[in-house]
Amino acid sequence: RIQQLDDALVDQIAAGEVVERPSSVVKELLENSLDAGATTISVEIVEGGRERIRIVDDGMGMDPEDAAMCVKRHATSKIRTLQDLEIVQTMGFRGEALAAIASVSRFRLVTRARDAVQGTEVVVHGGAPAVLKPVGCPPGTSIEIDELFYNLPVRRNFLRARTTEAAHVGRTCFDVALAHPELRLSYTSNGR
């Protein structure tokens, strides 16, 4: 019999389209940072990105309402109508990346718009409902992804060796840096 899948399962299946490995997570987050006008981005990974990925930018940040929406599927600020697809000028536009990443990790986002007096923290574990609270933080956005694929051990087992995954993340950072010479980008792997 055909039955409709629940949203949590759909999110995890859809994550496979966006989140193949740590480097695809870094690529999506770097693109979001660039679309937010960041001029400085820091990328840190631990154990090839399996245990932790942390990206901090000085982009425009988000207000609490946008921070709450950004982890929902098909939630985007980049298109509004079908006609917008013909003139899209951002790197991402589908509104899938953050929801997909949050569904397969322990996800934490901290963000503050430049003119706001306080920021917002959004925590999502394995696609569970988001928990929001106000926090003090600098302008911009910080995203931490811990234990990528912790809730999908089969997907986690398909990841390559930690050094291989770290090399893929490094290549992704290198490609972004080459394409954006005005960007100040730092990459740290296991503290180096």
N, C-alpha and C. Protein backbone atom coordinates (compact mmCIF):
# COMPACT_ATOMS: atom_id res chain seq x y z
N ARG A 1 0.84 -1.18 0.00
CA ARG A 1 0.00 0.00 0.00
C ARG A 1 0.88 1.24 0.00
N ILE A 2 0.45 2.24 -0.69
CA ILE A 2 1.15 3.52 -0.74
C ILE A 2 0.73 4.34 0.46
N GLN A 3 1.73 4.91 1.10
CA GLN A 3 1.44 5.80 2.22
C GLN A 3 2.39 6.98 2.20
N GLN A 4 1.94 8.06 2.74
CA GLN A 4 2.75 9.26 2.79
C GLN A 4 3.78 9.15 3.90
N LEU A 5 5.02 9.50 3.58
CA LEU A 5 6.09 9.47 4.57
C LEU A 5 5.97 10.67 5.50
N ASP A 6 6.40 10.48 6.75
CA ASP A 6 6.36 11.62 7.66
C ASP A 6 7.49 12.60 7.32
N ASP A 7 7.33 13.82 7.77
CA ASP A 7 8.26 14.90 7.41
C ASP A 7 9.70 14.61 7.83
N ALA A 8 9.88 14.00 9.00
CA ALA A 8 11.24 13.71 9.46
C ALA A 8 11.96 12.77 8.52
N LEU A 9 11.27 11.73 8.03
CA LEU A 9 11.88 10.79 7.10
C LEU A 9 12.14 11.45 5.76
N VAL A 10 11.22 12.27 5.29
CA VAL A 10 11.41 12.99 4.03
C VAL A 10 12.64 13.89 4.12
N ASP A 11 12.81 14.57 5.26
CA ASP A 11 13.98 15.44 5.44
C ASP A 11 15.27 14.65 5.35
N GLN A 12 15.31 13.48 5.95
CA GLN A 12 16.53 12.68 5.92
C GLN A 12 16.83 12.14 4.53
N ILE A 13 15.80 11.76 3.80
CA ILE A 13 16.00 11.30 2.43
C ILE A 13 16.47 12.46 1.56
N ALA A 14 15.83 13.62 1.70
CA ALA A 14 16.22 14.79 0.91
C ALA A 14 17.62 15.26 1.23
N ALA A 15 18.07 14.98 2.45
CA ALA A 15 19.42 15.39 2.83
C ALA A 15 20.46 14.76 1.92
N GLY A 16 20.18 13.59 1.39
CA GLY A 16 21.11 12.92 0.49
C GLY A 16 21.38 13.69 -0.78
N GLU A 17 20.44 14.54 -1.19
CA GLU A 17 20.64 15.35 -2.38
C GLU A 17 21.60 16.51 -2.12
N VAL A 18 21.65 16.99 -0.89
CA VAL A 18 22.43 18.16 -0.53
C VAL A 18 23.69 17.79 0.24
N VAL A 19 23.56 16.82 1.13
CA VAL A 19 24.63 16.49 2.07
C VAL A 19 25.18 15.11 1.73
N GLU A 20 26.20 15.07 0.90
CA GLU A 20 26.81 13.79 0.56
C GLU A 20 27.98 13.48 1.49
N ARG A 21 28.70 14.53 1.87
CA ARG A 21 29.91 14.38 2.70
C ARG A 21 30.20 15.74 3.33
N PRO A 22 31.17 15.82 4.22
CA PRO A 22 31.46 17.10 4.87
C PRO A 22 31.76 18.23 3.89
N SER A 23 32.44 17.95 2.79
CA SER A 23 32.75 19.02 1.84
C SER A 23 31.50 19.61 1.20
N SER A 24 30.44 18.80 1.03
CA SER A 24 29.21 19.36 0.47
C SER A 24 28.51 20.26 1.49
N VAL A 25 28.64 19.94 2.77
CA VAL A 25 28.11 20.81 3.83
C VAL A 25 28.86 22.14 3.80
N VAL A 26 30.19 22.07 3.74
CA VAL A 26 31.00 23.29 3.72
C VAL A 26 30.67 24.13 2.48
N LYS A 27 30.52 23.49 1.34
CA LYS A 27 30.18 24.21 0.11
C LYS A 27 28.87 24.98 0.27
N GLU A 28 27.84 24.31 0.77
CA GLU A 28 26.54 24.97 0.95
C GLU A 28 26.64 26.14 1.92
N LEU A 29 27.36 25.94 3.03
CA LEU A 29 27.46 27.01 4.03
C LEU A 29 28.31 28.18 3.53
N LEU A 30 29.38 27.88 2.78
CA LEU A 30 30.18 28.95 2.19
C LEU A 30 29.35 29.77 1.21
N GLU A 31 28.56 29.10 0.40
CA GLU A 31 27.70 29.81 -0.55
C GLU A 31 26.70 30.70 0.18
N ASN A 32 26.12 30.21 1.28
CA ASN A 32 25.21 31.05 2.06
C ASN A 32 25.94 32.27 2.63
N SER A 33 27.16 32.06 3.11
CA SER A 33 27.94 33.18 3.65
C SER A 33 28.22 34.23 2.58
N LEU A 34 28.60 33.77 1.40
CA LEU A 34 28.87 34.70 0.30
C LEU A 34 27.60 35.44 -0.11
N ASP A 35 26.48 34.72 -0.19
CA ASP A 35 25.21 35.37 -0.53
C ASP A 35 24.81 36.39 0.53
N ALA A 36 25.27 36.22 1.77
CA ALA A 36 24.97 37.16 2.86
C ALA A 36 25.94 38.33 2.89
N GLY A 37 26.84 38.40 1.91
CA GLY A 37 27.76 39.54 1.83
C GLY A 37 28.96 39.45 2.74
N ALA A 38 29.33 38.25 3.18
CA ALA A 38 30.48 38.11 4.08
C ALA A 38 31.77 38.49 3.37
N THR A 39 32.66 39.14 4.11
CA THR A 39 34.00 39.46 3.59
C THR A 39 35.07 38.65 4.32
N THR A 40 34.70 38.09 5.47
CA THR A 40 35.60 37.23 6.24
C THR A 40 34.83 35.97 6.64
N ILE A 41 35.44 34.81 6.35
CA ILE A 41 34.82 33.54 6.69
C ILE A 41 35.88 32.63 7.29
N SER A 42 35.53 31.99 8.38
CA SER A 42 36.41 31.02 9.02
C SER A 42 35.76 29.64 8.92
N VAL A 43 36.54 28.66 8.44
CA VAL A 43 36.06 27.28 8.33
C VAL A 43 36.94 26.42 9.23
N GLU A 44 36.32 25.71 10.15
CA GLU A 44 37.06 24.81 11.04
C GLU A 44 36.41 23.43 10.97
N ILE A 45 37.23 22.39 10.84
CA ILE A 45 36.69 21.03 10.88
C ILE A 45 37.49 20.19 11.88
N VAL A 46 36.86 19.17 12.39
CA VAL A 46 37.51 18.20 13.28
C VAL A 46 37.23 16.81 12.71
N GLU A 47 38.28 16.00 12.61
CA GLU A 47 38.19 14.64 12.10
C GLU A 47 37.55 14.59 10.71
N GLY A 48 38.05 15.43 9.82
CA GLY A 48 37.57 15.44 8.44
C GLY A 48 36.17 15.99 8.28
N GLY A 49 35.61 16.59 9.32
CA GLY A 49 34.25 17.12 9.28
C GLY A 49 33.23 16.15 9.84
N ARG A 50 33.66 14.94 10.15
CA ARG A 50 32.73 13.95 10.73
C ARG A 50 32.25 14.40 12.11
N GLU A 51 33.18 14.90 12.92
CA GLU A 51 32.84 15.26 14.29
C GLU A 51 32.37 16.70 14.42
N ARG A 52 32.97 17.61 13.66
CA ARG A 52 32.56 19.00 13.76
C ARG A 52 32.92 19.76 12.50
N ILE A 53 31.99 20.62 12.10
CA ILE A 53 32.21 21.63 11.07
C ILE A 53 31.71 22.93 11.68
N ARG A 54 32.54 23.95 11.62
CA ARG A 54 32.14 25.26 12.17
C ARG A 54 32.49 26.32 11.16
N ILE A 55 31.52 27.11 10.77
CA ILE A 55 31.74 28.19 9.82
C ILE A 55 31.21 29.48 10.45
N VAL A 56 32.08 30.48 10.49
CA VAL A 56 31.74 31.78 11.07
C VAL A 56 31.95 32.83 9.99
N ASP A 57 30.95 33.70 9.80
CA ASP A 57 31.10 34.77 8.80
C ASP A 57 30.70 36.11 9.39
N ASP A 58 31.06 37.16 8.66
CA ASP A 58 30.69 38.52 9.07
C ASP A 58 29.63 39.09 8.13
N GLY A 59 28.80 38.22 7.59
CA GLY A 59 27.74 38.65 6.68
C GLY A 59 26.64 39.43 7.38
N MET A 60 25.53 39.63 6.68
CA MET A 60 24.47 40.49 7.20
C MET A 60 23.72 39.91 8.39
N GLY A 61 23.85 38.62 8.67
CA GLY A 61 23.15 38.02 9.79
C GLY A 61 21.65 37.97 9.56
N MET A 62 20.93 37.45 10.55
CA MET A 62 19.48 37.30 10.42
C MET A 62 18.78 37.79 11.67
N ASP A 63 17.54 38.23 11.49
CA ASP A 63 16.71 38.57 12.64
C ASP A 63 16.09 37.27 13.17
N PRO A 64 15.46 37.29 14.33
CA PRO A 64 14.93 36.05 14.92
C PRO A 64 13.93 35.31 14.01
N GLU A 65 13.09 36.04 13.30
CA GLU A 65 12.11 35.39 12.44
C GLU A 65 12.78 34.63 11.30
N ASP A 66 13.78 35.25 10.66
CA ASP A 66 14.50 34.57 9.58
C ASP A 66 15.31 33.40 10.11
N ALA A 67 15.89 33.56 11.30
CA ALA A 67 16.67 32.47 11.90
C ALA A 67 15.77 31.26 12.15
N ALA A 68 14.56 31.49 12.60
CA ALA A 68 13.63 30.38 12.84
C ALA A 68 13.21 29.72 11.53
N MET A 69 13.04 30.51 10.49
CA MET A 69 12.59 29.98 9.20
C MET A 69 13.70 29.27 8.42
N CYS A 70 14.93 29.65 8.62
CA CYS A 70 16.01 29.15 7.76
C CYS A 70 16.24 27.65 7.86
N VAL A 71 15.78 27.01 8.94
CA VAL A 71 15.97 25.57 9.08
C VAL A 71 14.74 24.77 8.63
N LYS A 72 13.79 25.45 8.01
CA LYS A 72 12.61 24.77 7.47
C LYS A 72 12.83 24.49 5.99
N ARG A 73 12.25 23.40 5.51
CA ARG A 73 12.40 23.03 4.10
C ARG A 73 11.73 24.07 3.20
N HIS A 74 12.37 24.31 2.10
CA HIS A 74 11.89 25.24 1.06
C HIS A 74 11.68 26.65 1.60
N ALA A 75 12.46 27.04 2.59
CA ALA A 75 12.39 28.40 3.13
C ALA A 75 13.61 29.15 2.62
N THR A 76 13.38 30.19 1.82
CA THR A 76 14.47 30.93 1.20
C THR A 76 14.12 32.40 1.04
N SER A 77 15.13 33.23 1.08
CA SER A 77 14.93 34.66 0.84
C SER A 77 15.32 35.00 -0.60
N LYS A 78 15.72 34.02 -1.37
CA LYS A 78 16.36 34.29 -2.65
C LYS A 78 15.42 34.25 -3.85
N ILE A 79 14.29 33.59 -3.73
CA ILE A 79 13.28 33.63 -4.79
C ILE A 79 11.90 33.74 -4.16
N ARG A 80 10.98 34.33 -4.89
CA ARG A 80 9.60 34.47 -4.43
C ARG A 80 8.61 33.89 -5.45
N THR A 81 8.93 34.04 -6.75
CA THR A 81 8.02 33.60 -7.80
C THR A 81 8.77 32.75 -8.82
N LEU A 82 8.03 32.11 -9.69
CA LEU A 82 8.62 31.29 -10.75
C LEU A 82 9.51 32.13 -11.66
N GLN A 83 9.14 33.37 -11.88
CA GLN A 83 9.94 34.25 -12.73
C GLN A 83 11.31 34.56 -12.12
N ASP A 84 11.38 34.52 -10.80
CA ASP A 84 12.66 34.77 -10.13
C ASP A 84 13.72 33.73 -10.50
N LEU A 85 13.28 32.54 -10.87
CA LEU A 85 14.23 31.49 -11.26
C LEU A 85 15.02 31.88 -12.51
N GLU A 86 14.42 32.69 -13.36
CA GLU A 86 15.09 33.11 -14.59
C GLU A 86 16.16 34.16 -14.36
N ILE A 87 16.09 34.85 -13.23
CA ILE A 87 17.05 35.93 -12.98
C ILE A 87 17.81 35.76 -11.67
N VAL A 88 17.78 34.54 -11.11
CA VAL A 88 18.43 34.32 -9.82
C VAL A 88 19.93 34.65 -9.93
N GLN A 89 20.43 35.43 -8.97
CA GLN A 89 21.82 35.86 -9.00
C GLN A 89 22.57 35.45 -7.74
N THR A 90 22.02 34.49 -7.02
CA THR A 90 22.67 33.98 -5.82
C THR A 90 23.15 32.56 -6.09
N MET A 91 24.02 32.08 -5.23
CA MET A 91 24.54 30.73 -5.43
C MET A 91 23.52 29.67 -5.06
N GLY A 92 22.80 29.87 -4.00
CA GLY A 92 21.76 28.93 -3.60
C GLY A 92 20.43 29.62 -3.67
N PHE A 93 19.36 28.84 -3.83
CA PHE A 93 18.04 29.46 -3.89
C PHE A 93 16.91 28.52 -3.50
N ARG A 94 17.17 27.22 -3.37
CA ARG A 94 16.09 26.26 -3.14
C ARG A 94 15.58 26.23 -1.71
N GLY A 95 16.37 26.68 -0.76
CA GLY A 95 15.94 26.63 0.63
C GLY A 95 15.97 25.24 1.22
N GLU A 96 16.86 24.40 0.74
CA GLU A 96 16.96 23.02 1.22
C GLU A 96 18.15 22.79 2.13
N ALA A 97 19.23 23.52 1.94
CA ALA A 97 20.52 23.16 2.55
C ALA A 97 20.47 23.09 4.07
N LEU A 98 20.05 24.15 4.74
CA LEU A 98 20.10 24.15 6.20
C LEU A 98 19.15 23.13 6.81
N ALA A 99 17.97 22.96 6.22
CA ALA A 99 17.04 21.95 6.72
C ALA A 99 17.63 20.55 6.56
N ALA A 100 18.26 20.30 5.42
CA ALA A 100 18.85 18.99 5.17
C ALA A 100 20.02 18.73 6.12
N ILE A 101 20.87 19.72 6.30
CA ILE A 101 22.02 19.56 7.20
C ILE A 101 21.54 19.34 8.63
N ALA A 102 20.55 20.11 9.07
CA ALA A 102 20.04 19.99 10.43
C ALA A 102 19.36 18.64 10.67
N SER A 103 18.88 18.01 9.62
CA SER A 103 18.19 16.73 9.80
C SER A 103 19.15 15.56 9.98
N VAL A 104 20.44 15.76 9.68
CA VAL A 104 21.41 14.65 9.78
C VAL A 104 22.59 15.00 10.69
N SER A 105 22.38 15.93 11.62
CA SER A 105 23.48 16.34 12.50
C SER A 105 22.91 16.97 13.77
N ARG A 106 23.84 17.34 14.64
CA ARG A 106 23.50 18.18 15.79
C ARG A 106 23.89 19.59 15.36
N PHE A 107 22.90 20.40 15.06
CA PHE A 107 23.05 21.66 14.35
C PHE A 107 22.83 22.82 15.32
N ARG A 108 23.71 23.81 15.23
CA ARG A 108 23.56 25.02 16.05
C ARG A 108 23.92 26.22 15.20
N LEU A 109 23.02 27.18 15.14
CA LEU A 109 23.22 28.42 14.39
C LEU A 109 23.09 29.58 15.37
N VAL A 110 24.04 30.51 15.30
CA VAL A 110 23.98 31.73 16.10
C VAL A 110 24.13 32.88 15.12
N THR A 111 23.19 33.81 15.15
CA THR A 111 23.21 34.88 14.17
C THR A 111 22.72 36.19 14.77
N ARG A 112 23.22 37.27 14.19
CA ARG A 112 22.77 38.61 14.60
C ARG A 112 22.88 39.53 13.40
N ALA A 113 21.81 40.25 13.12
CA ALA A 113 21.84 41.28 12.09
C ALA A 113 22.72 42.42 12.59
N ARG A 114 23.35 43.14 11.68
CA ARG A 114 24.31 44.19 12.06
C ARG A 114 23.71 45.27 12.94
N ASP A 115 22.43 45.60 12.73
CA ASP A 115 21.82 46.68 13.50
C ASP A 115 21.04 46.19 14.73
N ALA A 116 21.09 44.90 15.01
CA ALA A 116 20.36 44.34 16.15
C ALA A 116 21.20 44.42 17.42
N VAL A 117 20.53 44.48 18.57
CA VAL A 117 21.24 44.55 19.84
C VAL A 117 21.52 43.16 20.42
N GLN A 118 20.80 42.15 19.95
CA GLN A 118 21.06 40.79 20.41
C GLN A 118 20.88 39.83 19.25
N GLY A 119 21.44 38.66 19.41
CA GLY A 119 21.36 37.64 18.38
C GLY A 119 20.36 36.56 18.74
N THR A 120 20.33 35.54 17.88
CA THR A 120 19.43 34.41 18.05
C THR A 120 20.21 33.12 17.90
N GLU A 121 19.94 32.18 18.79
CA GLU A 121 20.52 30.84 18.67
C GLU A 121 19.41 29.89 18.24
N VAL A 122 19.72 29.03 17.25
CA VAL A 122 18.78 28.01 16.78
C VAL A 122 19.49 26.67 16.92
N VAL A 123 18.88 25.75 17.64
CA VAL A 123 19.45 24.42 17.83
C VAL A 123 18.47 23.39 17.29
N VAL A 124 18.99 22.48 16.45
CA VAL A 124 18.19 21.39 15.89
C VAL A 124 19.03 20.12 15.98
N HIS A 125 18.48 19.08 16.54
CA HIS A 125 19.18 17.80 16.61
C HIS A 125 18.43 16.78 15.78
N GLY A 126 19.04 16.35 14.68
CA GLY A 126 18.48 15.29 13.87
C GLY A 126 17.12 15.59 13.28
N GLY A 127 16.84 16.83 12.96
CA GLY A 127 15.58 17.20 12.34
C GLY A 127 14.45 17.43 13.32
N ALA A 128 14.71 17.35 14.62
CA ALA A 128 13.69 17.64 15.63
C ALA A 128 13.29 19.12 15.51
N PRO A 129 12.18 19.50 16.11
CA PRO A 129 11.80 20.91 16.05
C PRO A 129 12.91 21.82 16.59
N ALA A 130 13.05 22.98 15.97
CA ALA A 130 14.09 23.93 16.35
C ALA A 130 13.79 24.54 17.72
N VAL A 131 14.86 24.75 18.47
CA VAL A 131 14.78 25.44 19.76
C VAL A 131 15.50 26.77 19.59
N LEU A 132 14.79 27.87 19.85
CA LEU A 132 15.35 29.21 19.68
C LEU A 132 15.48 29.90 21.02
N LYS A 133 16.54 30.73 21.13
CA LYS A 133 16.65 31.60 22.30
C LYS A 133 17.53 32.79 21.93
N PRO A 134 17.32 33.92 22.60
CA PRO A 134 18.17 35.08 22.35
C PRO A 134 19.54 34.87 22.97
N VAL A 135 20.57 35.38 22.30
CA VAL A 135 21.95 35.26 22.79
C VAL A 135 22.72 36.53 22.45
N GLY A 136 23.81 36.73 23.15
CA GLY A 136 24.74 37.78 22.79
C GLY A 136 25.75 37.20 21.81
N CYS A 137 26.03 37.91 20.74
CA CYS A 137 26.98 37.45 19.74
C CYS A 137 27.35 38.61 18.82
N PRO A 138 28.46 38.47 18.10
CA PRO A 138 28.82 39.52 17.15
C PRO A 138 27.92 39.46 15.92
N PRO A 139 27.89 40.52 15.12
CA PRO A 139 27.11 40.47 13.87
C PRO A 139 27.63 39.37 12.96
N GLY A 140 26.74 38.82 12.15
CA GLY A 140 27.10 37.75 11.24
C GLY A 140 26.45 36.45 11.67
N THR A 141 26.97 35.34 11.16
CA THR A 141 26.39 34.04 11.44
C THR A 141 27.47 33.02 11.73
N SER A 142 27.23 32.19 12.71
CA SER A 142 28.10 31.07 13.06
C SER A 142 27.25 29.81 13.02
N ILE A 143 27.73 28.79 12.31
CA ILE A 143 27.02 27.52 12.24
C ILE A 143 27.96 26.41 12.67
N GLU A 144 27.49 25.58 13.59
CA GLU A 144 28.26 24.43 14.05
C GLU A 144 27.46 23.17 13.74
N ILE A 145 28.10 22.24 13.08
CA ILE A 145 27.51 20.95 12.77
C ILE A 145 28.35 19.91 13.49
N ASP A 146 27.77 19.26 14.48
CA ASP A 146 28.46 18.21 15.22
C ASP A 146 27.88 16.86 14.82
N GLU A 147 28.76 15.86 14.77
CA GLU A 147 28.39 14.47 14.53
C GLU A 147 27.53 14.30 13.27
N LEU A 148 28.10 14.68 12.14
CA LEU A 148 27.41 14.54 10.86
C LEU A 148 27.00 13.08 10.65
N PHE A 149 25.77 12.87 10.29
CA PHE A 149 25.16 11.55 10.05
C PHE A 149 25.09 10.68 11.31
N TYR A 150 25.08 11.30 12.51
CA TYR A 150 25.01 10.51 13.74
C TYR A 150 23.75 9.66 13.78
N ASN A 151 22.68 10.13 13.16
CA ASN A 151 21.42 9.41 13.18
C ASN A 151 21.20 8.55 11.94
N LEU A 152 22.21 8.48 11.08
CA LEU A 152 22.17 7.63 9.88
C LEU A 152 23.50 6.88 9.78
N PRO A 153 23.70 5.87 10.61
CA PRO A 153 25.00 5.19 10.64
C PRO A 153 25.43 4.61 9.30
N VAL A 154 24.48 4.20 8.47
CA VAL A 154 24.85 3.65 7.16
C VAL A 154 25.51 4.74 6.31
N ARG A 155 24.94 5.94 6.32
CA ARG A 155 25.54 7.06 5.57
C ARG A 155 26.91 7.42 6.15
N ARG A 156 27.03 7.39 7.45
CA ARG A 156 28.30 7.72 8.11
C ARG A 156 29.38 6.71 7.71
N ASN A 157 28.99 5.46 7.56
CA ASN A 157 29.95 4.43 7.16
C ASN A 157 30.45 4.60 5.73
N PHE A 158 29.71 5.31 4.89
CA PHE A 158 30.13 5.54 3.51
C PHE A 158 31.15 6.66 3.38
N LEU A 159 31.36 7.42 4.44
CA LEU A 159 32.37 8.47 4.39
C LEU A 159 33.75 7.84 4.27
N ARG A 160 34.64 8.52 3.58
CA ARG A 160 36.01 8.03 3.41
C ARG A 160 36.82 8.31 4.68
N ALA A 161 38.10 7.99 4.61
CA ALA A 161 38.99 8.23 5.74
C ALA A 161 38.98 9.72 6.11
N ARG A 162 39.26 10.00 7.35
CA ARG A 162 39.23 11.39 7.84
C ARG A 162 40.16 12.29 7.03
N THR A 163 41.32 11.79 6.66
CA THR A 163 42.25 12.61 5.87
C THR A 163 41.70 12.88 4.48
N THR A 164 41.01 11.91 3.90
CA THR A 164 40.40 12.10 2.58
C THR A 164 39.30 13.14 2.65
N GLU A 165 38.43 13.03 3.67
CA GLU A 165 37.34 14.01 3.82
C GLU A 165 37.91 15.40 4.08
N ALA A 166 38.96 15.49 4.89
CA ALA A 166 39.59 16.80 5.14
C ALA A 166 40.17 17.38 3.86
N ALA A 167 40.73 16.54 3.01
CA ALA A 167 41.29 17.02 1.74
C ALA A 167 40.18 17.56 0.83
N HIS A 168 39.02 16.91 0.84
CA HIS A 168 37.89 17.40 0.04
C HIS A 168 37.41 18.76 0.56
N VAL A 169 37.34 18.90 1.89
CA VAL A 169 36.92 20.19 2.47
C VAL A 169 37.95 21.26 2.11
N GLY A 170 39.24 20.93 2.23
CA GLY A 170 40.29 21.88 1.88
C GLY A 170 40.19 22.32 0.43
N ARG A 171 39.89 21.39 -0.45
CA ARG A 171 39.76 21.72 -1.89
C ARG A 171 38.56 22.65 -2.12
N THR A 172 37.47 22.38 -1.41
CA THR A 172 36.29 23.25 -1.52
C THR A 172 36.63 24.67 -1.09
N CYS A 173 37.33 24.80 0.04
CA CYS A 173 37.74 26.13 0.52
C CYS A 173 38.68 26.80 -0.47
N PHE A 174 39.62 26.05 -1.01
CA PHE A 174 40.58 26.57 -1.98
C PHE A 174 39.85 27.10 -3.22
N ASP A 175 38.89 26.33 -3.73
CA ASP A 175 38.13 26.75 -4.91
C ASP A 175 37.36 28.05 -4.66
N VAL A 176 36.74 28.15 -3.48
CA VAL A 176 36.00 29.37 -3.14
C VAL A 176 36.95 30.55 -3.02
N ALA A 177 38.09 30.33 -2.39
CA ALA A 177 39.08 31.41 -2.23
C ALA A 177 39.59 31.89 -3.59
N LEU A 178 39.83 30.97 -4.51
CA LEU A 178 40.30 31.37 -5.85
C LEU A 178 39.24 32.16 -6.61
N ALA A 179 37.99 31.77 -6.45
CA ALA A 179 36.90 32.45 -7.16
C ALA A 179 36.56 33.81 -6.56
N HIS A 180 36.99 34.05 -5.31
CA HIS A 180 36.65 35.29 -4.60
C HIS A 180 37.91 35.88 -3.95
N PRO A 181 38.79 36.49 -4.75
CA PRO A 181 40.04 37.00 -4.20
C PRO A 181 39.86 38.11 -3.16
N GLU A 182 38.71 38.75 -3.13
CA GLU A 182 38.45 39.80 -2.15
C GLU A 182 38.09 39.23 -0.78
N LEU A 183 37.81 37.93 -0.71
CA LEU A 183 37.37 37.26 0.51
C LEU A 183 38.55 36.87 1.39
N ARG A 184 38.42 37.11 2.69
CA ARG A 184 39.41 36.63 3.66
C ARG A 184 38.85 35.33 4.24
N LEU A 185 39.44 34.21 3.83
CA LEU A 185 38.94 32.90 4.22
C LEU A 185 40.04 32.13 4.93
N SER A 186 39.74 31.60 6.10
CA SER A 186 40.71 30.76 6.80
C SER A 186 40.13 29.36 6.93
N TYR A 187 41.00 28.36 6.88
CA TYR A 187 40.60 26.96 6.97
C TYR A 187 41.48 26.27 8.01
N THR A 188 40.85 25.64 8.99
CA THR A 188 41.57 24.94 10.04
C THR A 188 41.04 23.51 10.13
N SER A 189 41.97 22.55 10.14
CA SER A 189 41.60 21.15 10.27
C SER A 189 42.33 20.57 11.49
N ASN A 190 41.57 20.06 12.45
CA ASN A 190 42.13 19.51 13.69
C ASN A 190 43.12 20.48 14.34
N GLY A 191 42.78 21.74 14.37
CA GLY A 191 43.59 22.75 15.03
C GLY A 191 44.77 23.26 14.22
N ARG A 192 44.95 22.81 12.99
CA ARG A 192 46.08 23.24 12.16
C ARG A 192 45.57 24.00 10.94
